Protein backbone atom coordinates (compact mmCIF):
# COMPACT_ATOMS: atom_id res chain seq x y z
CA MET A 1 12.43 -3.48 27.86
CA ALA A 2 12.66 -1.40 24.72
CA ARG A 3 12.18 -4.50 22.55
CA PHE A 4 9.09 -5.49 24.61
CA SER A 5 7.62 -2.01 24.18
CA LEU A 6 8.13 -2.18 20.42
CA LEU A 7 6.59 -5.63 20.17
CA ARG A 8 3.61 -4.32 22.14
CA GLU A 9 3.17 -1.35 19.83
CA GLU A 10 3.51 -3.58 16.74
CA ALA A 11 0.77 -5.83 18.14
CA ARG A 12 -1.40 -2.73 18.67
CA ARG A 13 -0.70 -1.59 15.17
CA ALA A 14 -1.62 -5.01 13.73
CA TRP A 15 -4.90 -4.83 15.70
CA ARG A 16 -5.58 -1.33 14.36
CA GLU A 17 -4.88 -2.58 10.81
CA LEU A 18 -7.48 -5.31 11.28
CA ARG A 19 -9.96 -2.81 12.56
CA GLY A 20 -9.58 -0.69 9.41
CA SER A 21 -10.39 3.00 9.51
CA ASP A 22 -12.84 4.94 11.70
CA LEU A 23 -15.88 2.73 12.50
CA SER A 24 -18.66 4.82 11.00
CA PRO A 25 -22.18 3.36 10.61
CA ALA A 26 -21.66 2.78 6.96
CA ARG A 27 -18.35 1.03 7.41
CA GLY A 28 -19.65 -1.08 10.27
CA ALA A 29 -22.68 -2.09 8.33
CA ALA A 30 -20.60 -2.92 5.27
CA ALA A 31 -18.21 -5.10 7.36
CA VAL A 32 -21.08 -7.06 8.90
CA ALA A 33 -22.76 -7.47 5.55
CA ILE A 34 -19.60 -8.81 3.90
CA GLY A 35 -18.95 -11.17 6.81
CA LEU A 36 -22.49 -12.54 6.89
CA PHE A 37 -22.66 -13.03 3.10
CA ILE A 38 -19.30 -14.74 2.83
CA GLY A 39 -19.81 -16.83 5.96
CA SER A 40 -23.20 -18.12 4.74
CA GLN A 41 -21.70 -19.46 1.47
CA PRO A 42 -20.83 -23.22 1.32
CA ILE A 43 -17.15 -22.55 0.60
CA PHE A 44 -15.76 -23.85 3.87
CA GLY A 45 -12.11 -23.06 4.42
CA CYS A 46 -12.27 -19.91 2.34
CA HIS A 47 -14.30 -17.68 4.60
CA THR A 48 -11.45 -16.05 6.55
CA PRO A 49 -9.12 -15.33 3.60
CA LEU A 50 -12.02 -13.80 1.65
CA VAL A 51 -13.08 -11.67 4.59
CA LEU A 52 -9.56 -10.36 5.11
CA LEU A 53 -9.10 -9.71 1.40
CA PHE A 54 -12.24 -7.60 1.08
CA CYS A 55 -11.87 -5.76 4.42
CA PHE A 56 -8.21 -4.85 3.79
CA TRP A 57 -9.02 -3.62 0.33
CA PHE A 58 -12.01 -1.52 1.34
CA ARG A 59 -10.56 -0.49 4.78
CA LEU A 60 -13.36 -2.16 6.67
CA ASP A 61 -13.32 -3.68 10.12
CA ALA A 62 -11.94 -7.17 9.57
CA ALA A 63 -12.46 -8.18 13.21
CA ILE A 64 -16.20 -7.50 13.02
CA ALA A 65 -16.54 -9.05 9.61
CA TRP A 66 -14.74 -12.19 10.79
CA VAL A 67 -17.05 -12.55 13.72
CA ALA A 68 -20.01 -12.16 11.41
CA ALA A 69 -18.57 -14.73 9.02
CA ASN A 70 -18.64 -17.29 11.81
CA ILE A 71 -22.36 -17.65 11.38
CA SER A 72 -21.52 -20.99 9.77
CA ASN A 73 -20.17 -22.35 13.10
CA PRO A 74 -21.27 -25.83 14.15
CA PHE A 75 -24.19 -24.52 16.19
CA PHE A 76 -25.79 -22.52 13.39
CA ALA A 77 -24.56 -24.44 10.35
CA PRO A 78 -27.34 -27.03 10.36
CA ALA A 79 -30.11 -24.44 10.36
CA LEU A 80 -28.24 -22.28 7.82
CA LEU A 81 -27.66 -25.08 5.35
CA THR A 82 -31.23 -26.26 5.68
CA ALA A 83 -32.51 -22.81 5.00
CA GLU A 84 -30.33 -22.61 1.90
CA VAL A 85 -31.49 -25.95 0.61
CA GLN A 86 -35.09 -25.02 1.15
CA VAL A 87 -34.69 -21.59 -0.56
CA GLY A 88 -32.94 -23.28 -3.50
CA ALA A 89 -35.74 -25.83 -3.84
CA LEU A 90 -38.36 -23.11 -3.72
CA LEU A 91 -36.60 -21.19 -6.45
CA LYS A 92 -36.17 -24.24 -8.60
CA ARG A 93 -39.34 -26.26 -7.91
CA GLY A 94 -41.75 -23.69 -6.52
CA GLU A 95 -42.15 -25.63 -3.30
CA VAL A 96 -40.12 -26.53 -0.23
CA LEU A 97 -38.82 -30.08 0.41
CA ARG A 98 -40.38 -32.49 2.86
CA LEU A 99 -37.43 -33.45 4.98
CA ASP A 100 -39.35 -36.07 6.86
CA GLN A 101 -39.28 -38.41 3.83
CA GLU A 102 -36.54 -40.93 3.38
CA VAL A 103 -33.79 -39.68 1.04
CA THR A 104 -30.98 -41.77 -0.38
CA HIS A 105 -27.32 -40.70 -0.23
CA ALA A 106 -27.09 -40.32 -4.01
CA ASP A 107 -30.31 -38.30 -4.09
CA ALA A 108 -29.02 -36.01 -1.38
CA TRP A 109 -25.83 -35.24 -3.42
CA ALA A 110 -27.68 -34.83 -6.62
CA ARG A 111 -30.48 -32.63 -5.38
CA PHE A 112 -29.56 -31.06 -2.06
CA ALA A 113 -26.13 -29.78 -3.18
CA GLY A 114 -27.73 -28.10 -6.15
CA TYR A 115 -30.44 -26.57 -4.10
CA MET A 116 -27.92 -25.38 -1.47
CA PHE A 117 -25.63 -23.57 -4.00
CA LEU A 118 -28.78 -21.98 -5.62
CA GLY A 119 -30.21 -20.84 -2.30
CA ALA A 120 -26.99 -19.79 -0.50
CA PRO A 121 -26.58 -16.34 -2.31
CA VAL A 122 -30.20 -15.43 -1.61
CA VAL A 123 -29.93 -16.43 2.04
CA GLY A 124 -26.59 -14.59 2.25
CA ILE A 125 -28.07 -11.39 0.74
CA ALA A 126 -31.03 -11.52 3.23
CA LEU A 127 -28.67 -12.01 6.21
CA ALA A 128 -26.33 -9.32 4.98
CA ALA A 129 -29.13 -6.82 4.56
CA GLY A 130 -30.58 -7.57 8.06
CA GLY A 131 -27.13 -7.52 9.71
CA ALA A 132 -26.18 -4.28 7.99
CA LEU A 133 -29.37 -2.54 9.03
CA LEU A 134 -28.97 -3.68 12.67
CA THR A 135 -25.28 -2.64 12.77
CA TRP A 136 -26.02 0.73 11.23
CA GLY A 137 -28.49 1.42 14.01
CA VAL A 138 -26.21 0.21 16.82
CA VAL A 139 -23.14 2.13 15.61
CA SER A 140 -25.17 5.29 15.04
CA LEU A 141 -26.41 5.13 18.68
CA ARG A 142 -23.00 4.44 19.91
CA ARG A 143 -21.51 7.38 18.05
CA ARG A 144 -23.90 9.71 19.83
CA PHE A 145 -22.10 9.00 23.10
CA VAL A 146 -18.58 7.97 22.10
CA ALA A 147 -16.29 9.98 19.76
CA GLY A 148 -14.78 7.90 16.94
CA SER A 149 -10.99 7.67 16.71
CA GLY A 150 -8.78 7.35 13.60
CA LEU A 151 -7.42 3.84 13.16
CA GLY A 152 -5.28 4.26 10.01
CA PRO A 153 -1.65 3.21 9.70
CA GLY A 154 -0.20 6.71 9.88
CA PRO A 155 2.02 8.07 12.69
CA TYR A 156 1.38 6.60 16.05
CA ARG A 157 2.82 7.07 19.54
CA LEU A 158 6.02 5.20 20.03
CA PRO A 159 7.53 4.25 23.41
CA PRO A 160 9.80 6.94 24.83
CA ASP A 161 12.81 4.59 24.66
CA THR A 162 12.34 3.76 21.00
CA PRO A 163 15.73 3.92 19.13
CA PRO A 164 16.13 7.06 16.93
CA TRP A 165 16.58 4.73 13.93
CA ILE A 166 13.12 3.17 14.37
CA GLN A 167 11.59 6.61 14.92
CA ALA A 168 13.08 7.81 11.61
CA VAL A 169 11.83 4.73 9.78
CA GLU A 170 8.39 5.36 11.22
CA ARG A 171 8.33 8.95 10.11
CA VAL A 172 9.45 8.07 6.55
CA ALA A 173 6.97 5.21 6.19
CA SER A 174 4.13 7.44 7.38
CA ARG A 175 4.79 9.84 4.47
CA TYR A 176 3.60 7.09 2.09
CA CYS A 177 0.24 6.79 3.81
CA PRO A 178 -1.69 9.77 5.02
CA GLU A 179 -3.32 9.48 8.40
CA ARG A 180 -6.75 9.76 6.78
CA GLY A 181 -8.02 9.04 3.32
CA TYR A 182 -5.44 6.40 2.54
CA THR A 183 -5.94 3.71 -0.10
CA ALA A 184 -5.13 -0.01 -0.07
CA THR A 185 -2.18 0.60 -2.29
CA GLN A 186 -0.80 3.37 0.01
CA ARG A 187 -1.24 1.07 3.02
CA ALA A 188 0.71 -1.67 1.18
CA ARG A 189 3.43 0.83 0.40
CA PHE A 190 3.54 2.03 4.04
CA HIS A 191 4.06 -1.52 5.39
CA TYR A 192 6.59 -2.42 2.68
CA THR A 193 8.61 0.75 3.46
CA ARG A 194 8.71 -0.02 7.21
CA ILE A 195 9.71 -3.65 6.65
CA LYS A 196 12.23 -2.84 3.96
CA LEU A 197 14.04 -0.09 5.94
CA ILE A 198 14.12 -2.08 9.17
CA SER A 199 15.05 -5.50 7.79
CA ASP A 200 17.40 -4.64 4.95
CA PRO A 201 20.89 -3.91 6.28
CA VAL A 202 21.80 -1.69 3.37
CA ALA A 203 19.87 1.28 4.83
CA ARG A 204 22.05 1.33 7.96
CA LEU A 205 25.25 0.68 6.02
CA VAL A 206 24.61 3.59 3.63
CA ALA A 207 23.49 5.90 6.43
CA ASP A 208 26.69 5.31 8.46
CA ILE A 209 29.18 5.33 5.61
CA ALA A 210 30.43 8.85 6.23
CA GLY A 211 29.71 8.96 9.94
CA GLU A 212 26.72 10.29 11.90
CA GLN A 213 27.49 14.01 11.68
CA PRO A 214 24.77 16.16 10.04
CA GLY A 215 25.01 16.39 6.28
CA ALA A 216 27.77 13.76 6.11
CA LEU A 217 26.57 12.41 2.75
CA GLY A 218 25.91 15.85 1.25
CA GLU A 219 23.62 15.87 -1.76
CA VAL A 220 22.54 12.29 -2.61
CA LEU A 221 21.54 10.97 -6.00
CA ASP A 222 19.84 7.57 -5.95
CA ILE A 223 19.79 5.93 -9.45
CA GLY A 224 17.01 3.28 -9.46
CA THR A 225 15.44 4.65 -6.30
CA GLY A 226 12.17 2.74 -6.55
CA ALA A 227 9.73 4.61 -4.29
CA GLY A 228 12.56 6.70 -2.80
CA GLN A 229 12.42 5.36 0.72
CA LEU A 230 16.26 5.14 1.17
CA PRO A 231 17.14 8.77 0.19
CA LEU A 232 14.13 10.02 2.20
CA LEU A 233 15.45 8.15 5.22
CA LEU A 234 18.86 9.66 4.76
CA LEU A 235 17.24 13.10 4.63
CA ASP A 236 15.13 12.43 7.77
CA LEU A 237 18.29 11.27 9.68
CA GLY A 238 20.03 14.45 8.68
CA ARG A 239 22.82 12.52 6.80
CA ALA A 240 21.84 14.14 3.45
CA THR A 241 21.33 17.82 2.72
CA ARG A 242 19.30 17.22 -0.40
CA VAL A 243 18.19 14.14 -2.28
CA ARG A 244 17.41 13.28 -5.85
CA GLY A 245 16.12 9.94 -7.20
CA THR A 246 15.20 8.48 -10.51
CA ASP A 247 13.53 5.23 -11.56
CA TRP A 248 11.82 3.83 -14.65
CA ASP A 249 8.77 2.56 -12.76
CA GLU A 250 6.13 5.31 -13.06
CA ALA A 251 3.94 4.00 -10.19
CA LYS A 252 6.88 3.87 -7.72
CA ILE A 253 8.02 7.40 -8.72
CA ALA A 254 4.50 8.65 -8.17
CA ASP A 255 4.68 7.24 -4.63
CA ALA A 256 8.08 8.77 -4.19
CA ARG A 257 6.88 12.21 -5.21
CA ARG A 258 3.93 12.13 -2.78
CA ALA A 259 6.18 11.02 0.03
CA ALA A 260 8.78 13.70 -0.69
CA ALA A 261 6.30 16.56 -0.73
CA GLY A 262 7.65 19.54 1.21
CA LEU A 263 11.22 18.17 1.49
CA PRO A 264 14.40 19.19 -0.35
CA ALA A 265 13.95 16.28 -2.71
CA GLU A 266 13.41 15.68 -6.36
CA MET A 267 12.04 12.42 -7.94
CA TRP A 268 11.64 11.82 -11.55
CA ARG A 269 11.02 9.02 -14.00
CA ALA A 270 13.87 8.09 -16.32
CA ASP A 271 15.80 5.08 -17.63
CA ALA A 272 19.19 4.71 -15.92
CA ARG A 273 20.78 4.30 -19.33
CA GLU A 274 19.64 7.71 -20.44
CA ALA A 275 18.79 9.82 -17.39
CA GLU A 276 20.23 13.32 -16.98
CA LEU A 277 22.01 12.79 -13.66
CA GLY A 278 23.88 16.04 -12.91
CA GLU A 279 26.33 15.93 -10.05
CA ALA A 280 26.14 14.81 -6.38
CA ASP A 281 28.34 14.19 -3.40
CA THR A 282 27.00 10.61 -2.89
CA VAL A 283 25.62 8.52 -5.77
CA LEU A 284 23.76 5.32 -5.04
CA LEU A 285 23.34 2.26 -7.28
CA ILE A 286 21.46 -0.09 -4.99
CA ASP A 287 20.25 -3.38 -6.52
CA LEU A 288 20.17 -1.96 -10.04
CA LEU A 289 22.97 -3.05 -12.30
CA HIS A 290 21.98 -6.72 -12.52
CA TYR A 291 18.86 -5.91 -14.38
CA PHE A 292 20.86 -4.85 -17.48
CA ARG A 293 23.12 -6.55 -20.02
CA LEU A 294 26.85 -6.51 -19.29
CA PRO A 295 27.77 -3.68 -21.63
CA GLU A 296 24.81 -1.61 -20.29
CA GLN A 297 25.98 -2.26 -16.74
CA ASP A 298 29.45 -0.86 -17.62
CA ALA A 299 27.83 2.21 -19.29
CA ILE A 300 25.58 2.94 -16.32
CA LEU A 301 28.45 2.52 -13.94
CA ARG A 302 30.58 5.00 -15.96
CA ARG A 303 27.73 7.53 -16.01
CA ALA A 304 27.18 7.18 -12.31
CA ALA A 305 30.93 7.61 -11.64
CA ALA A 306 30.96 10.75 -13.76
CA ALA A 307 28.19 12.18 -11.58
CA VAL A 308 30.29 11.97 -8.41
CA ARG A 309 31.83 15.26 -7.33
CA PRO A 310 35.50 15.44 -6.28
CA GLY A 311 35.82 14.08 -2.77
CA GLY A 312 32.48 12.28 -3.08
CA ARG A 313 31.53 8.59 -3.23
CA LEU A 314 29.70 6.03 -5.35
CA VAL A 315 27.95 3.33 -3.37
CA ILE A 316 26.93 0.12 -5.12
CA ARG A 317 25.12 -2.91 -3.81
CA GLU A 318 25.14 -6.07 -5.91
CA ALA A 319 25.08 -9.79 -5.26
CA ASP A 320 28.30 -11.78 -5.21
CA PRO A 321 27.63 -14.86 -7.41
CA SER A 322 30.45 -16.80 -5.80
CA ARG A 323 28.84 -17.24 -2.39
CA ARG A 324 27.30 -20.62 -3.15
CA LEU A 325 23.98 -21.05 -1.23
CA ARG A 326 23.73 -17.36 -0.54
CA SER A 327 24.05 -16.62 -4.23
CA VAL A 328 21.33 -19.20 -5.06
CA MET A 329 18.97 -17.69 -2.61
CA THR A 330 19.64 -14.18 -3.94
CA LEU A 331 19.06 -15.23 -7.55
CA LEU A 332 15.86 -17.03 -6.60
CA GLU A 333 14.53 -13.97 -4.78
CA GLU A 334 15.31 -11.67 -7.68
CA ARG A 335 13.71 -14.01 -10.28
CA VAL A 336 10.52 -14.27 -8.18
CA PHE A 337 10.15 -10.48 -7.66
CA THR A 338 10.92 -9.85 -11.33
CA ALA A 339 8.33 -12.49 -12.43
CA ILE A 340 5.58 -10.86 -10.33
CA ARG A 341 6.59 -7.43 -11.68
CA TRP A 342 7.40 -5.98 -8.26
CA ASN A 343 10.84 -5.28 -9.56
CA ARG A 344 10.48 -4.26 -13.18
CA GLY A 345 13.89 -5.45 -14.43
CA GLU A 346 14.53 -6.72 -17.91
CA ARG A 347 16.62 -9.66 -16.70
CA VAL A 348 18.75 -10.78 -13.69
CA ARG A 349 22.48 -10.99 -14.49
CA PHE A 350 24.94 -10.94 -11.64
CA ARG A 351 28.71 -10.59 -12.06
CA HIS A 352 31.63 -10.63 -9.65
CA PRO A 353 32.13 -7.46 -7.65
CA GLN A 354 35.80 -7.32 -8.67
CA GLU A 355 34.71 -6.58 -12.20
CA PHE A 356 33.04 -3.37 -10.96
CA VAL A 357 36.05 -2.62 -8.78
CA ALA A 358 38.45 -2.91 -11.76
CA LEU A 359 36.41 -0.50 -13.88
CA LEU A 360 36.14 2.07 -11.09
CA GLU A 361 39.85 1.87 -10.12
CA ALA A 362 40.62 2.54 -13.83
CA LEU A 363 38.51 5.72 -13.45
CA GLY A 364 40.64 6.83 -10.53
CA PHE A 365 38.37 5.69 -7.64
CA ARG A 366 39.58 4.03 -4.43
CA CYS A 367 37.31 0.98 -3.72
CA ASP A 368 36.41 -1.07 -0.69
CA VAL A 369 34.18 -4.14 -0.85
CA ARG A 370 32.17 -4.99 2.26
CA SER A 371 29.66 -7.70 3.12
CA ALA A 372 26.10 -6.37 3.15
CA TRP A 373 23.95 -9.34 3.89
CA GLY A 374 23.65 -8.85 7.68
CA LYS A 375 21.31 -11.50 9.07
CA THR A 376 19.64 -12.21 5.70
CA PRO A 377 20.38 -15.38 3.65
CA PHE A 378 21.52 -13.36 0.62
CA SER A 379 24.94 -12.70 -0.90
CA ASN A 380 24.82 -8.95 -1.19
CA VAL A 381 28.01 -6.92 -0.99
CA LEU A 382 28.56 -3.15 -0.78
CA ILE A 383 31.19 -1.48 -2.98
CA LEU A 384 32.28 1.85 -1.60
CA ALA A 385 34.12 3.83 -4.32
CA GLU A 386 35.61 7.16 -3.29
CA ARG A 387 36.74 9.81 -5.69
CA PRO A 388 39.79 11.70 -4.46
CA PRO A 389 39.48 15.52 -4.06
CA GLU A 390 40.42 17.11 -7.40
CA GLU A 391 43.74 18.90 -7.23
CA VAL A 392 44.30 22.22 -8.96
CA GLY A 393 45.04 21.61 -12.64
CA ALA A 394 44.36 17.86 -12.39
CA HIS A 395 42.27 16.15 -15.02
CA HIS A 396 40.06 13.28 -13.88
CA PRO A 397 39.74 10.34 -16.20
CA CYS A 398 35.96 10.35 -15.96
């Protein structure tokens, strides 16, 4: 029953996303105008993708725009195309065509297609202007009697039986996208955060490492934090008392800072090879080391280990390159996301987890390697390295 309720709420959220933000007269008119203009162009098969692209970007009502774009349906298309051809002929020749005369197939392709592509933008602008004016009037009248409601992707009412984990993810994701005034980039970050935290098993694994008691992870330092969604989730769940995160991607750190506003959190831009780390009870290196050369990986690992307080832990997630098909899938995913610059790594270079374990054990850590791929097709493993409590007079090799 809980799963059905969540699916129902997700369907409602998807519908709200299609509807954009509050349907004001201006936004309604713009949505209809875009739909009519795109739908009247002779680019069949491209109408729906273009409508969705423009509406999502400008937060317009995609459902209304899609309906308007269907002006080129089989019932209206003949009249629409004829009007476009005639307008094109009028613009080019100064007179309309006599369609009662016999026209050869070659002549139709040579002349009619050119007239149609010339006249389509003009007809589209006229339809868009008329549709926008009509929509403006209708929505203005409607708003006199019906109060508008916010339709943004911010917090929304979850079913009462929603698991606490999903509630926490929802709260964290909502911090990346204000309920009002959000941008297309913020909306993308909001959805990415939700999908990432729910689908990636590392979030649950890290959250439960030290148990579920409040403050179990103490102060958390996340090196290569991206937009900071993992440490902020740990803070929301009460597993962390304070969080700090660093990343070299300025745009992601800017998102992290906005999301962390008002929380015991610090986010700053820095290169993991040079960042001033300080100390923490739990240090995270999640999907970071493989972006560096092997000597740099060792150096970063040593610096992260030195940042762990006595009795604390270092948590590393990396891919195991010996897992055959899983390893191939992981490498392919990383190369794709690096190529499109979503992950701004210099390279992708995996190594066997036991190499990290050997280095950490030489530094006095106790290590445990666990599978971390969950239901995904990847080869990720989690290395949990615990630093023993420092005894009086003892000197740690870090």
